[in-house]
C-alpha cells in the first residue's frame, strides 16, 4: 500500500468510522468524554479534553455523509480492484 491520496482518504474514513461507533453512554461516559457540561470543572481548565469532546460530538452529525463515503469507497474497491 503506497502513500497516495486515495489511501489517505481510506485511512481518514476508517478513523472516522472508528469514532462514530463509540457509544456515548456506555464507553465515553466512563472517561468523562460524554458531554462538556458533565466534566466537573471549568472547560477552560482542560482545553484539550473539550476539543476531544467537540470532535466526538461533531462526528456524530456526519453519519449520512460517512455512510455515502463508505458506499463509494466499497464500489471503487470492487470496480477498480483495490490494492
PDB file of N, CA and C in Angstrom:
ATOM      1  N   UNK A   1       0.850  -1.172   0.000  1.00  0.00           N
ATOM      2  CA  UNK A   1       0.000   0.000   0.000  1.00  0.00           C
ATOM      3  C   UNK A   1       0.890   1.228   0.000  1.00  0.00           C
ATOM      4  N   UNK A   2       0.862   1.960  -1.097  1.00  0.00           N
ATOM      5  CA  UNK A   2       1.663   3.158  -1.221  1.00  0.00           C
ATOM      6  C   UNK A   2       0.984   4.361  -0.590  1.00  0.00           C
ATOM      7  N   UNK A   3       1.731   5.415  -0.474  1.00  0.00           N
ATOM      8  CA  UNK A   3       1.197   6.643   0.084  1.00  0.00           C
ATOM      9  C   UNK A   3       0.577   7.456  -1.039  1.00  0.00           C
ATOM     10  N   UNK A   4      -0.742   7.403  -1.145  1.00  0.00           N
ATOM     11  CA  UNK A   4      -1.452   8.142  -2.180  1.00  0.00           C
ATOM     12  C   UNK A   4      -2.640   8.858  -1.544  1.00  0.00           C
ATOM     13  N   UNK A   5      -3.236   9.740  -2.302  1.00  0.00           N
ATOM     14  CA  UNK A   5      -4.397  10.480  -1.793  1.00  0.00           C
ATOM     15  C   UNK A   5      -5.545   9.513  -1.505  1.00  0.00           C
ATOM     16  N   UNK A   6      -5.708   8.508  -2.373  1.00  0.00           N
ATOM     17  CA  UNK A   6      -6.777   7.526  -2.172  1.00  0.00           C
ATOM     18  C   UNK A   6      -6.579   6.752  -0.868  1.00  0.00           C
ATOM     19  N   UNK A   7      -5.362   6.335  -0.594  1.00  0.00           N
ATOM     20  CA  UNK A   7      -5.094   5.592   0.639  1.00  0.00           C
ATOM     21  C   UNK A   7      -5.210   6.483   1.864  1.00  0.00           C
ATOM     22  N   UNK A   8      -4.834   7.748   1.752  1.00  0.00           N
ATOM     23  CA  UNK A   8      -5.029   8.683   2.865  1.00  0.00           C
ATOM     24  C   UNK A   8      -6.520   8.904   3.133  1.00  0.00           C
ATOM     25  N   UNK A   9      -7.309   8.990   2.061  1.00  0.00           N
ATOM     26  CA  UNK A   9      -8.759   9.121   2.205  1.00  0.00           C
ATOM     27  C   UNK A   9      -9.336   7.910   2.920  1.00  0.00           C
ATOM     28  N   UNK A  10      -8.901   6.707   2.522  1.00  0.00           N
ATOM     29  CA  UNK A  10      -9.405   5.486   3.158  1.00  0.00           C
ATOM     30  C   UNK A  10      -9.001   5.422   4.630  1.00  0.00           C
ATOM     31  N   UNK A  11      -7.788   5.860   4.950  1.00  0.00           N
ATOM     32  CA  UNK A  11      -7.350   5.858   6.347  1.00  0.00           C
ATOM     33  C   UNK A  11      -8.164   6.848   7.172  1.00  0.00           C
ATOM     34  N   UNK A  12      -8.425   8.021   6.623  1.00  0.00           N
ATOM     35  CA  UNK A  12      -9.263   9.007   7.321  1.00  0.00           C
ATOM     36  C   UNK A  12     -10.680   8.514   7.510  1.00  0.00           C
ATOM     37  N   UNK A  13     -11.211   7.839   6.491  1.00  0.00           N
ATOM     38  CA  UNK A  13     -12.553   7.280   6.590  1.00  0.00           C
ATOM     39  C   UNK A  13     -12.612   6.181   7.648  1.00  0.00           C
ATOM     40  N   UNK A  14     -11.580   5.380   7.729  1.00  0.00           N
ATOM     41  CA  UNK A  14     -11.513   4.327   8.736  1.00  0.00           C
ATOM     42  C   UNK A  14     -11.489   4.918  10.153  1.00  0.00           C
ATOM     43  N   UNK A  15     -10.712   5.972  10.345  1.00  0.00           N
ATOM     44  CA  UNK A  15     -10.661   6.630  11.662  1.00  0.00           C
ATOM     45  C   UNK A  15     -11.999   7.280  12.005  1.00  0.00           C
ATOM     46  N   UNK A  16     -12.647   7.894  11.014  1.00  0.00           N
ATOM     47  CA  UNK A  16     -13.959   8.490  11.248  1.00  0.00           C
ATOM     48  C   UNK A  16     -14.983   7.427  11.615  1.00  0.00           C
ATOM     49  N   UNK A  17     -14.929   6.291  10.941  1.00  0.00           N
ATOM     50  CA  UNK A  17     -15.824   5.185  11.302  1.00  0.00           C
ATOM     51  C   UNK A  17     -15.576   4.721  12.734  1.00  0.00           C
ATOM     52  N   UNK A  18     -14.315   4.674  13.131  1.00  0.00           N
ATOM     53  CA  UNK A  18     -13.981   4.243  14.493  1.00  0.00           C
ATOM     54  C   UNK A  18     -14.543   5.211  15.528  1.00  0.00           C
ATOM     55  N   UNK A  19     -14.490   6.507  15.246  1.00  0.00           N
ATOM     56  CA  UNK A  19     -15.034   7.497  16.181  1.00  0.00           C
ATOM     57  C   UNK A  19     -16.555   7.459  16.211  1.00  0.00           C
ATOM     58  N   UNK A  20     -17.161   7.147  15.077  1.00  0.00           N
ATOM     59  CA  UNK A  20     -18.624   7.135  15.012  1.00  0.00           C
ATOM     60  C   UNK A  20     -19.246   6.003  15.815  1.00  0.00           C
ATOM     61  N   UNK A  21     -18.558   4.884  15.936  1.00  0.00           N
ATOM     62  CA  UNK A  21     -19.189   3.744  16.604  1.00  0.00           C
ATOM     63  C   UNK A  21     -19.053   3.790  18.123  1.00  0.00           C
ATOM     64  N   UNK A  22     -18.302   4.760  18.645  1.00  0.00           N
ATOM     65  CA  UNK A  22     -18.180   4.872  20.098  1.00  0.00           C
ATOM     66  C   UNK A  22     -19.520   5.290  20.693  1.00  0.00           C
ATOM     67  N   UNK A  23     -20.026   4.485  21.591  1.00  0.00           N
ATOM     68  CA  UNK A  23     -21.293   4.786  22.229  1.00  0.00           C
ATOM     69  C   UNK A  23     -21.069   5.798  23.345  1.00  0.00           C
ATOM     70  N   UNK A  24     -21.833   6.872  23.299  1.00  0.00           N
ATOM     71  CA  UNK A  24     -21.647   7.970  24.242  1.00  0.00           C
ATOM     72  C   UNK A  24     -21.905   7.548  25.684  1.00  0.00           C
ATOM     73  N   UNK A  25     -22.973   6.814  25.914  1.00  0.00           N
ATOM     74  CA  UNK A  25     -23.334   6.461  27.290  1.00  0.00           C
ATOM     75  C   UNK A  25     -22.498   5.319  27.855  1.00  0.00           C
ATOM     76  N   UNK A  26     -22.214   4.331  27.042  1.00  0.00           N
ATOM     77  CA  UNK A  26     -21.517   3.148  27.556  1.00  0.00           C
ATOM     78  C   UNK A  26     -20.006   3.321  27.623  1.00  0.00           C
ATOM     79  N   UNK A  27     -19.409   3.906  26.599  1.00  0.00           N
ATOM     80  CA  UNK A  27     -17.951   3.962  26.522  1.00  0.00           C
ATOM     81  C   UNK A  27     -17.413   5.315  26.977  1.00  0.00           C
ATOM     82  N   UNK A  28     -17.946   6.375  26.413  1.00  0.00           N
ATOM     83  CA  UNK A  28     -17.365   7.697  26.655  1.00  0.00           C
ATOM     84  C   UNK A  28     -17.660   8.237  28.052  1.00  0.00           C
ATOM     85  N   UNK A  29     -18.786   7.861  28.651  1.00  0.00           N
ATOM     86  CA  UNK A  29     -19.142   8.372  29.975  1.00  0.00           C
ATOM     87  C   UNK A  29     -18.171   7.881  31.049  1.00  0.00           C
ATOM     88  N   UNK A  30     -17.581   6.698  30.854  1.00  0.00           N
ATOM     89  CA  UNK A  30     -16.616   6.172  31.828  1.00  0.00           C
ATOM     90  C   UNK A  30     -15.418   7.094  31.988  1.00  0.00           C
ATOM     91  N   UNK A  31     -15.020   7.724  30.880  1.00  0.00           N
ATOM     92  CA  UNK A  31     -13.818   8.557  30.879  1.00  0.00           C
ATOM     93  C   UNK A  31     -14.131  10.048  30.901  1.00  0.00           C
ATOM     94  N   UNK A  32     -15.412  10.393  31.030  1.00  0.00           N
ATOM     95  CA  UNK A  32     -15.806  11.796  31.102  1.00  0.00           C
ATOM     96  C   UNK A  32     -15.839  12.492  29.765  1.00  0.00           C
ATOM     97  N   UNK A  33     -15.939  11.747  28.674  1.00  0.00           N
ATOM     98  CA  UNK A  33     -15.975  12.337  27.341  1.00  0.00           C
ATOM     99  C   UNK A  33     -17.385  12.367  26.754  1.00  0.00           C
ATOM    100  N   UNK A  34     -18.414  12.282  27.594  1.00  0.00           N
ATOM    101  CA  UNK A  34     -19.766  12.237  27.061  1.00  0.00           C
ATOM    102  C   UNK A  34     -20.345  13.620  26.817  1.00  0.00           C
ATOM    103  N   UNK A  35     -20.017  14.598  27.660  1.00  0.00           N
ATOM    104  CA  UNK A  35     -20.579  15.941  27.496  1.00  0.00           C
ATOM    105  C   UNK A  35     -19.676  16.952  28.189  1.00  0.00           C
ATOM    106  N   UNK A  36     -19.612  18.146  27.636  1.00  0.00           N
ATOM    107  CA  UNK A  36     -18.792  19.202  28.230  1.00  0.00           C
ATOM    108  C   UNK A  36     -19.373  19.643  29.568  1.00  0.00           C
ATOM    109  N   UNK A  37     -20.690  19.614  29.686  1.00  0.00           N
ATOM    110  CA  UNK A  37     -21.344  20.084  30.905  1.00  0.00           C
ATOM    111  C   UNK A  37     -21.137  19.153  32.094  1.00  0.00           C
ATOM    112  N   UNK A  38     -20.779  17.901  31.866  1.00  0.00           N
ATOM    113  CA  UNK A  38     -20.602  16.944  32.959  1.00  0.00           C
ATOM    114  C   UNK A  38     -19.134  16.705  33.298  1.00  0.00           C
ATOM    115  N   UNK A  39     -18.271  17.625  32.898  1.00  0.00           N
ATOM    116  CA  UNK A  39     -16.844  17.442  33.156  1.00  0.00           C
ATOM    117  C   UNK A  39     -16.489  17.627  34.626  1.00  0.00           C
ATOM    118  N   UNK A  40     -17.263  18.400  35.358  1.00  0.00           N
ATOM    119  CA  UNK A  40     -16.986  18.600  36.771  1.00  0.00           C
ATOM    120  C   UNK A  40     -15.996  19.714  37.044  1.00  0.00           C
ATOM    121  N   UNK A  41     -15.601  20.450  36.009  1.00  0.00           N
ATOM    122  CA  UNK A  41     -14.699  21.576  36.190  1.00  0.00           C
ATOM    123  C   UNK A  41     -14.966  22.597  35.085  1.00  0.00           C
ATOM    124  N   UNK A  42     -14.267  23.708  35.164  1.00  0.00           N
ATOM    125  CA  UNK A  42     -14.396  24.749  34.152  1.00  0.00           C
ATOM    126  C   UNK A  42     -13.793  24.243  32.837  1.00  0.00           C
ATOM    127  N   UNK A  43     -14.526  24.342  31.718  1.00  0.00           N
ATOM    128  CA  UNK A  43     -13.984  23.863  30.440  1.00  0.00           C
ATOM    129  C   UNK A  43     -12.687  24.551  30.020  1.00  0.00           C
ATOM    130  N   UNK A  44     -12.444  25.753  30.491  1.00  0.00           N
ATOM    131  CA  UNK A  44     -11.207  26.441  30.110  1.00  0.00           C
ATOM    132  C   UNK A  44      -9.981  25.841  30.807  1.00  0.00           C
ATOM    133  N   UNK A  45     -10.189  25.030  31.848  1.00  0.00           N
ATOM    134  CA  UNK A  45      -9.067  24.405  32.540  1.00  0.00           C
ATOM    135  C   UNK A  45      -8.537  23.190  31.787  1.00  0.00           C
ATOM    136  N   UNK A  46      -9.369  22.588  30.959  1.00  0.00           N
ATOM    137  CA  UNK A  46      -8.958  21.406  30.194  1.00  0.00           C
ATOM    138  C   UNK A  46      -9.330  21.595  28.720  1.00  0.00           C
ATOM    139  N   UNK A  47      -8.599  22.471  28.008  1.00  0.00           N
ATOM    140  CA  UNK A  47      -8.991  22.758  26.623  1.00  0.00           C
ATOM    141  C   UNK A  47      -8.837  21.564  25.684  1.00  0.00           C
ATOM    142  N   UNK A  48      -7.854  20.681  25.904  1.00  0.00           N
ATOM    143  CA  UNK A  48      -7.671  19.528  25.033  1.00  0.00           C
ATOM    144  C   UNK A  48      -8.847  18.559  25.164  1.00  0.00           C
ATOM    145  N   UNK A  49      -9.305  18.359  26.394  1.00  0.00           N
ATOM    146  CA  UNK A  49     -10.434  17.465  26.617  1.00  0.00           C
ATOM    147  C   UNK A  49     -11.708  18.041  25.995  1.00  0.00           C
ATOM    148  N   UNK A  50     -11.882  19.346  26.082  1.00  0.00           N
ATOM    149  CA  UNK A  50     -13.052  19.993  25.482  1.00  0.00           C
ATOM    150  C   UNK A  50     -13.011  19.845  23.962  1.00  0.00           C
ATOM    151  N   UNK A  51     -11.825  19.986  23.366  1.00  0.00           N
ATOM    152  CA  UNK A  51     -11.685  19.808  21.919  1.00  0.00           C
ATOM    153  C   UNK A  51     -11.996  18.363  21.518  1.00  0.00           C
ATOM    154  N   UNK A  52     -11.549  17.405  22.308  1.00  0.00           N
ATOM    155  CA  UNK A  52     -11.826  15.997  22.009  1.00  0.00           C
ATOM    156  C   UNK A  52     -13.322  15.712  22.094  1.00  0.00           C
ATOM    157  N   UNK A  53     -13.986  16.256  23.111  1.00  0.00           N
ATOM    158  CA  UNK A  53     -15.432  16.076  23.240  1.00  0.00           C
ATOM    159  C   UNK A  53     -16.149  16.717  22.068  1.00  0.00           C
ATOM    160  N   UNK A  54     -15.699  17.902  21.652  1.00  0.00           N
ATOM    161  CA  UNK A  54     -16.292  18.576  20.496  1.00  0.00           C
ATOM    162  C   UNK A  54     -16.126  17.765  19.221  1.00  0.00           C
ATOM    163  N   UNK A  55     -14.962  17.159  19.044  1.00  0.00           N
ATOM    164  CA  UNK A  55     -14.727  16.315  17.871  1.00  0.00           C
ATOM    165  C   UNK A  55     -15.656  15.105  17.878  1.00  0.00           C
ATOM    166  N   UNK A  56     -15.779  14.458  19.025  1.00  0.00           N
ATOM    167  CA  UNK A  56     -16.644  13.277  19.127  1.00  0.00           C
ATOM    168  C   UNK A  56     -18.110  13.633  18.878  1.00  0.00           C
ATOM    169  N   UNK A  57     -18.535  14.818  19.333  1.00  0.00           N
ATOM    170  CA  UNK A  57     -19.911  15.233  19.093  1.00  0.00           C
ATOM    171  C   UNK A  57     -20.117  15.636  17.638  1.00  0.00           C
ATOM    172  N   UNK A  58     -19.118  16.245  17.011  1.00  0.00           N
ATOM    173  CA  UNK A  58     -19.240  16.655  15.607  1.00  0.00           C
ATOM    174  C   UNK A  58     -19.296  15.450  14.678  1.00  0.00           C
ATOM    175  N   UNK A  59     -18.540  14.407  15.002  1.00  0.00           N
ATOM    176  CA  UNK A  59     -18.526  13.213  14.153  1.00  0.00           C
ATOM    177  C   UNK A  59     -19.898  12.544  14.148  1.00  0.00           C
ATOM    178  N   UNK A  60     -20.653  12.671  15.227  1.00  0.00           N
ATOM    179  CA  UNK A  60     -21.969  12.052  15.289  1.00  0.00           C
ATOM    180  C   UNK A  60     -22.930  12.655  14.268  1.00  0.00           C
ATOM    181  N   UNK A  61     -22.694  13.896  13.848  1.00  0.00           N
ATOM    182  CA  UNK A  61     -23.548  14.537  12.852  1.00  0.00           C
ATOM    183  C   UNK A  61     -23.173  14.143  11.430  1.00  0.00           C
ATOM    184  N   UNK A  62     -22.088  13.440  11.242  1.00  0.00           N
ATOM    185  CA  UNK A  62     -21.607  13.074   9.915  1.00  0.00           C
ATOM    186  C   UNK A  62     -22.046  11.682   9.475  1.00  0.00           C
ATOM    187  N   UNK A  63     -23.057  11.120  10.095  1.00  0.00           N
ATOM    188  CA  UNK A  63     -23.421   9.735   9.802  1.00  0.00           C
ATOM    189  C   UNK A  63     -23.789   9.521   8.340  1.00  0.00           C
ATOM    190  N   UNK A  64     -24.663  10.347   7.791  1.00  0.00           N
ATOM    191  CA  UNK A  64     -25.111  10.158   6.412  1.00  0.00           C
ATOM    192  C   UNK A  64     -23.969  10.363   5.417  1.00  0.00           C
ATOM    193  N   UNK A  65     -23.172  11.445   5.513  1.00  0.00           N
ATOM    194  CA  UNK A  65     -22.055  11.573   4.570  1.00  0.00           C
ATOM    195  C   UNK A  65     -21.015  10.454   4.690  1.00  0.00           C
ATOM    196  N   UNK A  66     -20.783   9.971   5.898  1.00  0.00           N
ATOM    197  CA  UNK A  66     -19.804   8.895   6.069  1.00  0.00           C
ATOM    198  C   UNK A  66     -20.340   7.586   5.487  1.00  0.00           C
ATOM    199  N   UNK A  67     -21.624   7.339   5.622  1.00  0.00           N
ATOM    200  CA  UNK A  67     -22.216   6.148   5.007  1.00  0.00           C
ATOM    201  C   UNK A  67     -22.082   6.235   3.490  1.00  0.00           C
ATOM    202  N   UNK A  68     -22.346   7.412   2.934  1.00  0.00           N
ATOM    203  CA  UNK A  68     -22.194   7.603   1.484  1.00  0.00           C
ATOM    204  C   UNK A  68     -20.736   7.410   1.067  1.00  0.00           C
ATOM    205  N   UNK A  69     -19.801   7.939   1.831  1.00  0.00           N
ATOM    206  CA  UNK A  69     -18.380   7.771   1.514  1.00  0.00           C
ATOM    207  C   UNK A  69     -17.972   6.300   1.613  1.00  0.00           C
ATOM    208  N   UNK A  70     -18.522   5.574   2.580  1.00  0.00           N
ATOM    209  CA  UNK A  70     -18.237   4.138   2.693  1.00  0.00           C
ATOM    210  C   UNK A  70     -18.740   3.386   1.463  1.00  0.00           C
ATOM    211  N   UNK A  71     -19.948   3.711   1.005  1.00  0.00           N
ATOM    212  CA  UNK A  71     -20.510   3.041  -0.165  1.00  0.00           C
ATOM    213  C   UNK A  71     -19.671   3.336  -1.398  1.00  0.00           C
ATOM    214  N   UNK A  72     -19.286   4.599  -1.584  1.00  0.00           N
ATOM    215  CA  UNK A  72     -18.459   4.974  -2.732  1.00  0.00           C
ATOM    216  C   UNK A  72     -17.110   4.259  -2.677  1.00  0.00           C
ATOM    217  N   UNK A  73     -16.519   4.211  -1.511  1.00  0.00           N
ATOM    218  CA  UNK A  73     -15.223   3.537  -1.355  1.00  0.00           C
ATOM    219  C   UNK A  73     -15.336   2.047  -1.666  1.00  0.00           C
ATOM    220  N   UNK A  74     -16.374   1.413  -1.172  1.00  0.00           N
ATOM    221  CA  UNK A  74     -16.568  -0.020  -1.441  1.00  0.00           C
ATOM    222  C   UNK A  74     -16.771  -0.258  -2.928  1.00  0.00           C
ATOM    223  N   UNK A  75     -17.588   0.581  -3.571  1.00  0.00           N
ATOM    224  CA  UNK A  75     -17.815   0.410  -5.007  1.00  0.00           C
ATOM    225  C   UNK A  75     -16.533   0.609  -5.804  1.00  0.00           C
ATOM    226  N   UNK A  76     -15.748   1.628  -5.464  1.00  0.00           N
ATOM    227  CA  UNK A  76     -14.466   1.840  -6.158  1.00  0.00           C
ATOM    228  C   UNK A  76     -13.529   0.660  -5.964  1.00  0.00           C
ATOM    229  N   UNK A  77     -13.483   0.126  -4.763  1.00  0.00           N
ATOM    230  CA  UNK A  77     -12.608  -1.013  -4.495  1.00  0.00           C
ATOM    231  C   UNK A  77     -13.056  -2.244  -5.270  1.00  0.00           C
ATOM    232  N   UNK A  78     -14.370  -2.435  -5.390  1.00  0.00           N
ATOM    233  CA  UNK A  78     -14.865  -3.584  -6.153  1.00  0.00           C
ATOM    234  C   UNK A  78     -14.612  -3.397  -7.641  1.00  0.00           C
ATOM    235  N   UNK A  79     -14.929  -2.212  -8.161  1.00  0.00           N
ATOM    236  CA  UNK A  79     -14.793  -1.970  -9.604  1.00  0.00           C
ATOM    237  C   UNK A  79     -13.335  -1.892 -10.039  1.00  0.00           C
ATOM    238  N   UNK A  80     -12.520  -1.166  -9.301  1.00  0.00           N
ATOM    239  CA  UNK A  80     -11.135  -0.938  -9.717  1.00  0.00           C
ATOM    240  C   UNK A  80     -10.164  -1.999  -9.198  1.00  0.00           C
ATOM    241  N   UNK A  81     -10.641  -2.882  -8.368  1.00  0.00           N
ATOM    242  CA  UNK A  81      -9.790  -3.993  -7.949  1.00  0.00           C
ATOM    243  C   UNK A  81      -9.042  -3.775  -6.654  1.00  0.00           C
ATOM    244  N   UNK A  82      -9.040  -2.586  -6.126  1.00  0.00           N
ATOM    245  CA  UNK A  82      -8.374  -2.343  -4.838  1.00  0.00           C
ATOM    246  C   UNK A  82      -6.906  -2.697  -4.834  1.00  0.00           C
ATOM    247  N   UNK A  83      -6.215  -2.225  -3.846  1.00  0.00           N
ATOM    248  CA  UNK A  83      -4.784  -2.517  -3.773  1.00  0.00           C
ATOM    249  C   UNK A  83      -4.446  -3.229  -2.499  1.00  0.00           C
TER     250      UNK A  83
END
